[in-house]
Structure formats: structure tokens, C-alpha cells
Amino acid sequence: MTSTRAQGVAEVLWELKRASKIGTYTTIARRAGFSAGSKGRAMLTCLKTVRRDWPHLQWWRAVSDDGKVERGSDHATLLVEGGYEVVDDEADEEKSIVTDFEEQVMSWEEEEEEAEAAANKA
């Protein structure tokens, strides 16, 4: 049985895919209605479920809040295949980081502001 948290994360991942963006653990979890947990542990658990139950979803669009992934991991490889540039983090031998991270991350606040502005015009 799939958790409601994982279902929420799956829906957010679908939004990210349609927008060709990535999302941070914290923003994805918040949008799905829960806390990402310490070091994103709750999100990592949900992502395992998503990978198992919805293999067609692009789970790799969820990244840690600092934009770092394990160097040489499937996560890093899939991000590159998805069109994102990932470079080795000089400060951490075990991590890589998504370049232009802030520009690549989905911002739902902008979307909500646009919707609110459109509603006010009507």
C-alpha cells in the first residue's frame, strides 16, 4: 500500500516534469503537505516508494536543498541525461552539485503570485 505522502510527492514530481524543472526536498515535501524531515529523510523514504511504485516518474528531479548529489550516482547521471549540468563539488570529494541550481529549481511562489494577480484583474 502506497503512503499518502508518496502519492503527494508523485504528484509534485509530475508538476516538475511538465515544467522541466527540479525541486528541493523541502519545497516538494511542503507542497505535498508534510515536512521533509531531518536531512530530508522523510523525502528520501518517499522517493524510494515513488521509484518502486511509479518507475515512470522522474524521481531524480528531487534534489537536496543545497543542490548536491552523490558523485557518480544514478541521481547525478539521470540529472545529466535530463539536461542538467552537474559538476564535482571542490569542497566535498563525495558530492557533485547542479550548476545554476537556483535557476533550475521550480518556484511555486511565482506561480501563486501570477494566479493571484490574474484573479484580482477579473
C-alpha atoms as a PDB file:
ATOM      1  CA  MET A   1       0.000   0.000   0.000  1.00  0.00           C
ATOM      2  CA  THR A   2       1.385   3.365  -1.039  1.00  0.00           C
ATOM      3  CA  SER A   3       1.558   6.164   1.523  1.00  0.00           C
ATOM      4  CA  THR A   4      -0.328   9.403   1.021  1.00  0.00           C
ATOM      5  CA  ARG A   5       2.999  11.217   1.374  1.00  0.00           C
ATOM      6  CA  ALA A   6       4.468   9.267  -1.540  1.00  0.00           C
ATOM      7  CA  GLN A   7       1.344   9.953  -3.606  1.00  0.00           C
ATOM      8  CA  GLY A   8       1.731  13.668  -2.892  1.00  0.00           C
ATOM      9  CA  VAL A   9       5.400  13.559  -3.877  1.00  0.00           C
ATOM     10  CA  ALA A  10       4.475  11.706  -7.078  1.00  0.00           C
ATOM     11  CA  GLU A  11       2.044  14.488  -7.994  1.00  0.00           C
ATOM     12  CA  VAL A  12       4.687  17.160  -7.364  1.00  0.00           C
ATOM     13  CA  LEU A  13       7.238  15.226  -9.442  1.00  0.00           C
ATOM     14  CA  TRP A  14       4.716  15.203 -12.282  1.00  0.00           C
ATOM     15  CA  GLU A  15       4.416  19.009 -11.978  1.00  0.00           C
ATOM     16  CA  LEU A  16       8.209  19.300 -12.095  1.00  0.00           C
ATOM     17  CA  LYS A  17       8.404  17.117 -15.187  1.00  0.00           C
ATOM     18  CA  ARG A  18       5.795  19.216 -17.006  1.00  0.00           C
ATOM     19  CA  ALA A  19       7.677  22.398 -16.073  1.00  0.00           C
ATOM     20  CA  SER A  20      11.104  20.892 -16.943  1.00  0.00           C
ATOM     21  CA  LYS A  21      12.368  21.907 -13.503  1.00  0.00           C
ATOM     22  CA  ILE A  22      13.859  20.327 -10.419  1.00  0.00           C
ATOM     23  CA  GLY A  23      12.711  20.777  -6.837  1.00  0.00           C
ATOM     24  CA  THR A  24      14.303  20.700  -3.416  1.00  0.00           C
ATOM     25  CA  TYR A  25      13.349  18.133  -0.812  1.00  0.00           C
ATOM     26  CA  THR A  26      11.904  20.828   1.438  1.00  0.00           C
ATOM     27  CA  THR A  27       9.740  22.523  -1.202  1.00  0.00           C
ATOM     28  CA  ILE A  28       8.490  19.232  -2.640  1.00  0.00           C
ATOM     29  CA  ALA A  29       7.589  17.897   0.804  1.00  0.00           C
ATOM     30  CA  ARG A  30       5.902  21.166   1.773  1.00  0.00           C
ATOM     31  CA  ARG A  31       3.893  21.164  -1.463  1.00  0.00           C
ATOM     32  CA  ALA A  32       2.892  17.532  -0.745  1.00  0.00           C
ATOM     33  CA  GLY A  33       1.768  18.508   2.754  1.00  0.00           C
ATOM     34  CA  PHE A  34       4.485  17.280   5.106  1.00  0.00           C
ATOM     35  CA  SER A  35       7.962  18.069   6.415  1.00  0.00           C
ATOM     36  CA  ALA A  36      10.994  16.726   4.567  1.00  0.00           C
ATOM     37  CA  GLY A  37      12.454  15.680   7.911  1.00  0.00           C
ATOM     38  CA  SER A  38      15.965  15.857   9.261  1.00  0.00           C
ATOM     39  CA  LYS A  39      18.395  15.862   6.322  1.00  0.00           C
ATOM     40  CA  GLY A  40      15.471  15.082   4.022  1.00  0.00           C
ATOM     41  CA  ARG A  41      14.944  11.594   5.448  1.00  0.00           C
ATOM     42  CA  ALA A  42      11.154  11.617   5.041  1.00  0.00           C
ATOM     43  CA  MET A  43      11.589  12.703   1.420  1.00  0.00           C
ATOM     44  CA  LEU A  44      14.181  10.008   0.777  1.00  0.00           C
ATOM     45  CA  THR A  45      11.733   7.402   2.080  1.00  0.00           C
ATOM     46  CA  CYS A  46       9.010   8.762  -0.207  1.00  0.00           C
ATOM     47  CA  LEU A  47      11.366   8.776  -3.179  1.00  0.00           C
ATOM     48  CA  LYS A  48      12.139   5.079  -2.617  1.00  0.00           C
ATOM     49  CA  THR A  49       8.405   4.391  -2.754  1.00  0.00           C
ATOM     50  CA  VAL A  50       7.986   6.526  -5.874  1.00  0.00           C
ATOM     51  CA  ARG A  51      10.834   4.700  -7.606  1.00  0.00           C
ATOM     52  CA  ARG A  52       9.215   1.359  -6.751  1.00  0.00           C
ATOM     53  CA  ASP A  53       5.555   2.194  -7.428  1.00  0.00           C
ATOM     54  CA  TRP A  54       5.843   4.794 -10.195  1.00  0.00           C
ATOM     55  CA  PRO A  55       9.033   3.977 -12.114  1.00  0.00           C
ATOM     56  CA  HIS A  56       7.929   6.219 -14.998  1.00  0.00           C
ATOM     57  CA  LEU A  57       8.141   9.328 -12.816  1.00  0.00           C
ATOM     58  CA  GLN A  58      11.379  11.242 -12.841  1.00  0.00           C
ATOM     59  CA  TRP A  59      12.293  10.851  -9.153  1.00  0.00           C
ATOM     60  CA  TRP A  60      15.694  12.359  -9.871  1.00  0.00           C
ATOM     61  CA  ARG A  61      14.078  15.800 -10.211  1.00  0.00           C
ATOM     62  CA  ALA A  62      14.051  15.937  -6.386  1.00  0.00           C
ATOM     63  CA  VAL A  63      17.395  17.132  -5.009  1.00  0.00           C
ATOM     64  CA  SER A  64      18.698  18.071  -1.601  1.00  0.00           C
ATOM     65  CA  ASP A  65      18.154  21.666  -0.537  1.00  0.00           C
ATOM     66  CA  ASP A  66      21.771  22.576  -1.316  1.00  0.00           C
ATOM     67  CA  GLY A  67      21.649  21.126  -4.845  1.00  0.00           C
ATOM     68  CA  LYS A  68      24.173  18.410  -4.072  1.00  0.00           C
ATOM     69  CA  VAL A  69      24.027  14.750  -5.090  1.00  0.00           C
ATOM     70  CA  GLU A  70      26.381  11.835  -4.532  1.00  0.00           C
ATOM     71  CA  ARG A  71      29.231  11.993  -7.015  1.00  0.00           C
ATOM     72  CA  GLY A  72      28.913   9.336  -9.722  1.00  0.00           C
ATOM     73  CA  SER A  73      25.473   8.207  -8.501  1.00  0.00           C
ATOM     74  CA  ASP A  74      22.441   7.244 -10.577  1.00  0.00           C
ATOM     75  CA  HIS A  75      20.945  10.521  -9.383  1.00  0.00           C
ATOM     76  CA  ALA A  76      23.794  12.565 -10.877  1.00  0.00           C
ATOM     77  CA  THR A  77      23.748  10.540 -14.105  1.00  0.00           C
ATOM     78  CA  LEU A  78      19.983  10.953 -14.572  1.00  0.00           C
ATOM     79  CA  LEU A  79      20.178  14.682 -13.918  1.00  0.00           C
ATOM     80  CA  VAL A  80      22.805  14.989 -16.667  1.00  0.00           C
ATOM     81  CA  GLU A  81      20.709  12.831 -19.010  1.00  0.00           C
ATOM     82  CA  GLY A  82      17.762  15.101 -18.194  1.00  0.00           C
ATOM     83  CA  GLY A  83      19.689  18.131 -19.425  1.00  0.00           C
ATOM     84  CA  TYR A  84      21.124  19.494 -16.182  1.00  0.00           C
ATOM     85  CA  GLU A  85      24.791  20.203 -15.730  1.00  0.00           C
ATOM     86  CA  VAL A  86      26.309  18.544 -12.680  1.00  0.00           C
ATOM     87  CA  VAL A  87      29.893  19.311 -11.628  1.00  0.00           C
ATOM     88  CA  ASP A  88      32.095  17.964  -8.866  1.00  0.00           C
ATOM     89  CA  ASP A  89      31.957  19.958  -5.640  1.00  0.00           C
ATOM     90  CA  GLU A  90      35.515  21.076  -4.946  1.00  0.00           C
ATOM     91  CA  ALA A  91      34.775  21.389  -1.219  1.00  0.00           C
ATOM     92  CA  ASP A  92      33.430  17.821  -0.894  1.00  0.00           C
ATOM     93  CA  GLU A  93      35.059  14.800  -2.541  1.00  0.00           C
ATOM     94  CA  GLU A  94      31.862  12.745  -2.314  1.00  0.00           C
ATOM     95  CA  LYS A  95      29.409  15.257  -3.778  1.00  0.00           C
ATOM     96  CA  SER A  96      28.537  16.891  -7.059  1.00  0.00           C
ATOM     97  CA  ILE A  97      26.340  19.949  -7.450  1.00  0.00           C
ATOM     98  CA  VAL A  98      23.790  21.076 -10.026  1.00  0.00           C
ATOM     99  CA  THR A  99      25.113  24.190 -11.763  1.00  0.00           C
ATOM    100  CA  ASP A 100      22.865  27.248 -11.882  1.00  0.00           C
ATOM    101  CA  PHE A 101      20.892  25.493  -9.151  1.00  0.00           C
ATOM    102  CA  GLU A 102      18.741  28.474  -8.178  1.00  0.00           C
ATOM    103  CA  GLU A 103      17.653  28.981 -11.800  1.00  0.00           C
ATOM    104  CA  GLN A 104      16.778  25.288 -12.262  1.00  0.00           C
ATOM    105  CA  VAL A 105      14.579  24.972  -9.164  1.00  0.00           C
ATOM    106  CA  MET A 106      10.817  25.304  -9.511  1.00  0.00           C
ATOM    107  CA  SER A 107       9.340  28.262  -7.668  1.00  0.00           C
ATOM    108  CA  TRP A 108       5.676  27.784  -6.888  1.00  0.00           C
ATOM    109  CA  GLU A 109       5.563  31.194  -5.222  1.00  0.00           C
ATOM    110  CA  GLU A 110       5.843  32.860  -8.641  1.00  0.00           C
ATOM    111  CA  GLU A 111       3.053  30.660  -9.957  1.00  0.00           C
ATOM    112  CA  GLU A 112       0.828  31.511  -6.982  1.00  0.00           C
ATOM    113  CA  GLU A 113       1.534  35.251  -7.362  1.00  0.00           C
ATOM    114  CA  GLU A 114       0.611  35.113 -11.065  1.00  0.00           C
ATOM    115  CA  ALA A 115      -2.635  33.284 -10.279  1.00  0.00           C
ATOM    116  CA  GLU A 116      -3.474  35.796  -7.560  1.00  0.00           C
ATOM    117  CA  ALA A 117      -2.763  38.740  -9.904  1.00  0.00           C
ATOM    118  CA  ALA A 118      -4.986  37.197 -12.598  1.00  0.00           C
ATOM    119  CA  ALA A 119      -7.789  36.671 -10.059  1.00  0.00           C
ATOM    120  CA  ASN A 120      -7.534  40.299  -8.933  1.00  0.00           C
ATOM    121  CA  LYS A 121      -7.892  41.519 -12.539  1.00  0.00           C
ATOM    122  CA  ALA A 122     -11.092  39.529 -13.041  1.00  0.00           C
END
